[in-house]
Amino acid sequence: MTPATDDAGAGSPAGAPAAGADDAYNARLPLGLHHLISGMNALGTVWILALMVLINLDVFGRNLLSAPVRGVTEMVSLSIVGIVFLQLADTLRTGRFTRADILLDRLKTRRPALHDALHATYHLLGLALVLVILAASWEPLVESIAIREYVGAIGDFQAPVWPVRLVTLIGLAATALCYALLAWLDLSRLRSRGRPPADPASGTPVGPGGAA
């Protein structure tokens, strides 16, 4: 799969399918949501760098000073979950989810309308799945806050679990919103198939049935 360029959607209103775009990936989203999603991805990257520093400090402290950093194992196990969900929406928005696209690549040129319909179906099914996971994740967050759930051992290291559960919820919500917007872009592009191109100056359709 050849990734779309970051300029997809440039010159078009936010949320509108770009002229000649093959799919909705990398398009600008309404209300600048693509900036928010990209910011979450960047935050996840910073989190990874912080983990790398923490792990290296633990290694050096353990081997050189016989003084390991407490709680590294617990922090890493919690952080992996948080990082994945922070970066999930941007992975979707840029079309980097793992998928087999041999059929889609063929339909892109031979049956573009069917290509758009399959993309919209995929995104709507993804939206339904993420909403189910999102609904199932709310109660564990509430319970985690109520019982003050933590990882680690009393007297050694303790870290609350609810912040990571909250990050998971936020990441799922952003991913669900991204799925919905991508499906809307796919359906908008599908509806625009077969319409005569508009005159850039007047916006009037040009061609049969439109202004000359």
Protein backbone atom coordinates (compact mmCIF):
# COMPACT_ATOMS: atom_id res chain seq x y z
CA MET A 1 0.00 0.00 0.00
CA THR A 2 1.35 3.36 -0.96
CA PRO A 3 0.68 5.89 1.81
CA ALA A 4 -1.14 9.06 0.86
CA THR A 5 0.73 12.31 1.09
CA ASP A 6 0.14 14.73 3.91
CA ASP A 7 -1.14 17.26 1.39
CA ALA A 8 -4.27 15.29 0.64
CA GLY A 9 -7.12 17.70 1.02
CA ALA A 10 -4.93 20.79 0.52
CA GLY A 11 -6.85 23.48 -1.31
CA SER A 12 -10.19 21.97 -0.31
CA PRO A 13 -12.41 22.99 2.60
CA ALA A 14 -11.71 21.09 5.79
CA GLY A 15 -13.60 17.82 5.70
CA ALA A 16 -14.30 17.99 1.96
CA PRO A 17 -12.90 15.20 -0.24
CA ALA A 18 -9.98 16.53 -2.26
CA ALA A 19 -10.34 16.49 -6.01
CA GLY A 20 -8.82 13.30 -7.37
CA ALA A 21 -8.31 11.80 -3.90
CA ASP A 22 -8.43 7.99 -3.89
CA ASP A 23 -9.41 7.67 -0.23
CA ALA A 24 -10.07 9.74 2.88
CA TYR A 25 -6.73 9.15 4.58
CA ASN A 26 -4.55 12.14 5.44
CA ALA A 27 -7.41 14.51 4.64
CA ARG A 28 -8.02 17.55 6.79
CA LEU A 29 -10.83 16.92 9.27
CA PRO A 30 -13.55 19.38 10.38
CA LEU A 31 -12.71 21.78 13.22
CA GLY A 32 -9.01 21.01 12.82
CA LEU A 33 -9.43 17.64 14.52
CA HIS A 34 -6.51 16.28 12.49
CA HIS A 35 -4.26 18.61 14.51
CA LEU A 36 -5.64 17.24 17.78
CA ILE A 37 -5.17 13.64 16.64
CA SER A 38 -1.63 14.39 15.42
CA GLY A 39 -0.90 16.02 18.77
CA MET A 40 -2.02 12.86 20.59
CA ASN A 41 0.32 10.86 18.39
CA ALA A 42 3.19 13.23 19.19
CA LEU A 43 2.43 12.93 22.91
CA GLY A 44 2.66 9.16 22.58
CA THR A 45 6.07 9.54 20.94
CA VAL A 46 7.29 11.74 23.79
CA TRP A 47 5.99 9.12 26.22
CA ILE A 48 8.07 6.47 24.42
CA LEU A 49 11.20 8.63 24.72
CA ALA A 50 10.55 9.12 28.43
CA LEU A 51 10.24 5.36 28.86
CA MET A 52 13.55 4.84 27.06
CA VAL A 53 15.25 7.25 29.45
CA LEU A 54 13.66 5.54 32.46
CA ILE A 55 14.69 2.07 31.30
CA ASN A 56 18.28 3.17 30.65
CA LEU A 57 18.49 4.82 34.07
CA ASP A 58 17.27 1.56 35.61
CA VAL A 59 19.86 -0.48 33.69
CA PHE A 60 22.74 1.84 34.61
CA GLY A 61 21.62 2.11 38.22
CA ARG A 62 21.20 -1.65 38.54
CA ASN A 63 24.58 -2.56 37.02
CA LEU A 64 26.81 0.33 38.07
CA LEU A 65 25.37 1.46 41.40
CA SER A 66 23.39 -1.60 42.50
CA ALA A 67 20.47 0.79 42.89
CA PRO A 68 17.71 0.04 40.34
CA VAL A 69 14.94 2.52 39.74
CA ARG A 70 11.82 1.36 41.53
CA GLY A 71 8.64 0.70 39.58
CA VAL A 72 10.14 0.53 36.08
CA THR A 73 8.44 -2.77 35.26
CA GLU A 74 5.06 -1.48 36.42
CA MET A 75 5.45 1.84 34.60
CA VAL A 76 6.41 0.13 31.35
CA SER A 77 3.46 -2.28 31.51
CA LEU A 78 1.02 0.58 32.09
CA SER A 79 2.64 2.88 29.54
CA ILE A 80 2.46 0.43 26.65
CA VAL A 81 -1.33 0.44 26.89
CA GLY A 82 -1.53 4.23 27.13
CA ILE A 83 0.83 4.78 24.20
CA VAL A 84 -1.07 2.40 21.92
CA PHE A 85 -4.38 4.14 22.48
CA LEU A 86 -2.87 7.63 22.25
CA GLN A 87 -1.51 6.84 18.79
CA LEU A 88 -4.43 4.71 17.57
CA ALA A 89 -6.49 7.52 16.01
CA ASP A 90 -3.58 8.99 14.04
CA THR A 91 -2.61 5.55 12.79
CA LEU A 92 -6.15 5.24 11.42
CA ARG A 93 -6.30 8.78 10.04
CA THR A 94 -3.13 8.29 8.01
CA GLY A 95 -4.17 4.88 6.68
CA ARG A 96 -1.48 2.88 8.48
CA PHE A 97 -3.72 0.17 9.91
CA THR A 98 -2.61 -3.28 8.72
CA ARG A 99 -4.88 -4.52 5.96
CA ALA A 100 -4.88 -6.51 2.71
CA ASP A 101 -5.57 -3.99 -0.05
CA ILE A 102 -4.99 -6.06 -3.20
CA LEU A 103 -8.70 -5.94 -4.07
CA LEU A 104 -9.03 -2.26 -3.16
CA ASP A 105 -6.07 -1.32 -5.35
CA ARG A 106 -7.71 -2.99 -8.32
CA LEU A 107 -11.10 -1.45 -7.64
CA LYS A 108 -9.52 1.99 -7.26
CA THR A 109 -9.09 2.28 -11.04
CA ARG A 110 -11.70 -0.17 -12.36
CA ARG A 111 -14.66 0.41 -10.03
CA PRO A 112 -13.97 3.59 -8.01
CA ALA A 113 -17.56 3.80 -6.72
CA LEU A 114 -17.36 0.28 -5.30
CA HIS A 115 -13.93 1.16 -3.88
CA ASP A 116 -15.47 4.09 -2.00
CA ALA A 117 -18.43 1.99 -0.81
CA LEU A 118 -16.11 -0.70 0.61
CA HIS A 119 -14.03 1.94 2.37
CA ALA A 120 -17.16 3.46 3.90
CA THR A 121 -18.36 0.01 5.01
CA TYR A 122 -14.98 -0.73 6.58
CA HIS A 123 -14.99 2.55 8.49
CA LEU A 124 -18.58 2.13 9.68
CA LEU A 125 -17.86 -1.39 10.94
CA GLY A 126 -14.74 -0.08 12.67
CA LEU A 127 -16.81 2.68 14.26
CA ALA A 128 -19.31 0.12 15.61
CA LEU A 129 -16.53 -2.04 17.06
CA VAL A 130 -14.74 0.87 18.73
CA LEU A 131 -18.00 2.14 20.23
CA VAL A 132 -18.60 -1.28 21.78
CA ILE A 133 -15.10 -1.28 23.29
CA LEU A 134 -15.57 2.32 24.43
CA ALA A 135 -18.83 1.48 26.22
CA ALA A 136 -17.21 -1.53 27.88
CA SER A 137 -14.25 0.56 29.06
CA TRP A 138 -16.26 3.13 31.03
CA GLU A 139 -17.24 0.96 33.99
CA PRO A 140 -13.66 -0.30 34.65
CA LEU A 141 -12.50 3.34 34.78
CA VAL A 142 -15.16 4.27 37.34
CA GLU A 143 -14.39 1.17 39.40
CA SER A 144 -10.65 1.82 39.22
CA ILE A 145 -11.15 5.30 40.69
CA ALA A 146 -13.58 4.04 43.35
CA ILE A 147 -11.33 1.27 44.69
CA ARG A 148 -8.10 3.23 44.12
CA GLU A 149 -6.65 0.46 41.97
CA TYR A 150 -2.87 0.47 41.74
CA VAL A 151 0.07 -1.57 40.48
CA GLY A 152 3.19 -2.28 42.53
CA ALA A 153 3.63 -3.20 46.17
CA ILE A 154 2.75 -1.31 49.32
CA GLY A 155 5.88 0.14 50.88
CA ASP A 156 7.90 -0.17 47.68
CA PHE A 157 6.24 1.41 44.64
CA GLN A 158 2.63 2.17 43.84
CA ALA A 159 1.13 3.77 40.73
CA PRO A 160 -2.59 4.40 40.17
CA VAL A 161 -4.19 2.62 37.22
CA TRP A 162 -7.04 5.05 36.47
CA PRO A 163 -4.94 7.61 34.52
CA VAL A 164 -4.05 4.96 31.93
CA ARG A 165 -7.68 3.81 31.79
CA LEU A 166 -8.67 7.43 31.17
CA VAL A 167 -6.08 7.76 28.38
CA THR A 168 -7.48 4.55 26.88
CA LEU A 169 -10.98 6.02 26.93
CA ILE A 170 -9.82 9.27 25.32
CA GLY A 171 -7.93 7.36 22.63
CA LEU A 172 -10.96 5.20 21.88
CA ALA A 173 -13.21 8.27 21.65
CA ALA A 174 -10.80 9.96 19.22
CA THR A 175 -10.58 6.78 17.14
CA ALA A 176 -14.37 6.45 17.02
CA LEU A 177 -14.68 10.06 15.89
CA CYS A 178 -12.00 9.50 13.26
CA TYR A 179 -13.82 6.41 11.96
CA ALA A 180 -17.06 8.39 11.69
CA LEU A 181 -15.42 11.27 9.82
CA LEU A 182 -13.58 8.94 7.43
CA ALA A 183 -16.85 7.14 6.66
CA TRP A 184 -18.50 10.50 6.00
CA LEU A 185 -15.68 11.50 3.64
CA ASP A 186 -15.97 8.16 1.83
CA LEU A 187 -19.72 8.60 1.37
CA SER A 188 -19.27 12.21 0.24
CA ARG A 189 -16.74 11.10 -2.37
CA LEU A 190 -19.08 8.30 -3.46
CA ARG A 191 -21.95 10.78 -3.96
CA SER A 192 -19.71 13.07 -5.98
CA ARG A 193 -18.82 10.32 -8.48
CA GLY A 194 -20.31 11.07 -11.87
CA ARG A 195 -21.04 14.73 -11.15
CA PRO A 196 -19.69 17.14 -13.76
CA PRO A 197 -16.68 19.16 -12.54
CA ALA A 198 -17.47 22.65 -11.25
CA ASP A 199 -16.02 25.79 -12.78
CA PRO A 200 -13.39 27.07 -10.29
CA ALA A 201 -14.51 30.69 -10.71
CA SER A 202 -18.28 30.37 -10.50
CA GLY A 203 -18.81 26.96 -8.94
CA THR A 204 -21.24 26.15 -11.76
CA PRO A 205 -21.05 22.57 -13.11
CA VAL A 206 -19.32 22.42 -16.47
CA GLY A 207 -20.26 19.88 -19.10
CA PRO A 208 -23.52 18.20 -20.11
CA GLY A 209 -26.35 19.78 -18.22
CA GLY A 210 -24.11 22.51 -16.80
CA ALA A 211 -23.00 25.93 -17.94
CA ALA A 212 -20.57 25.99 -20.89
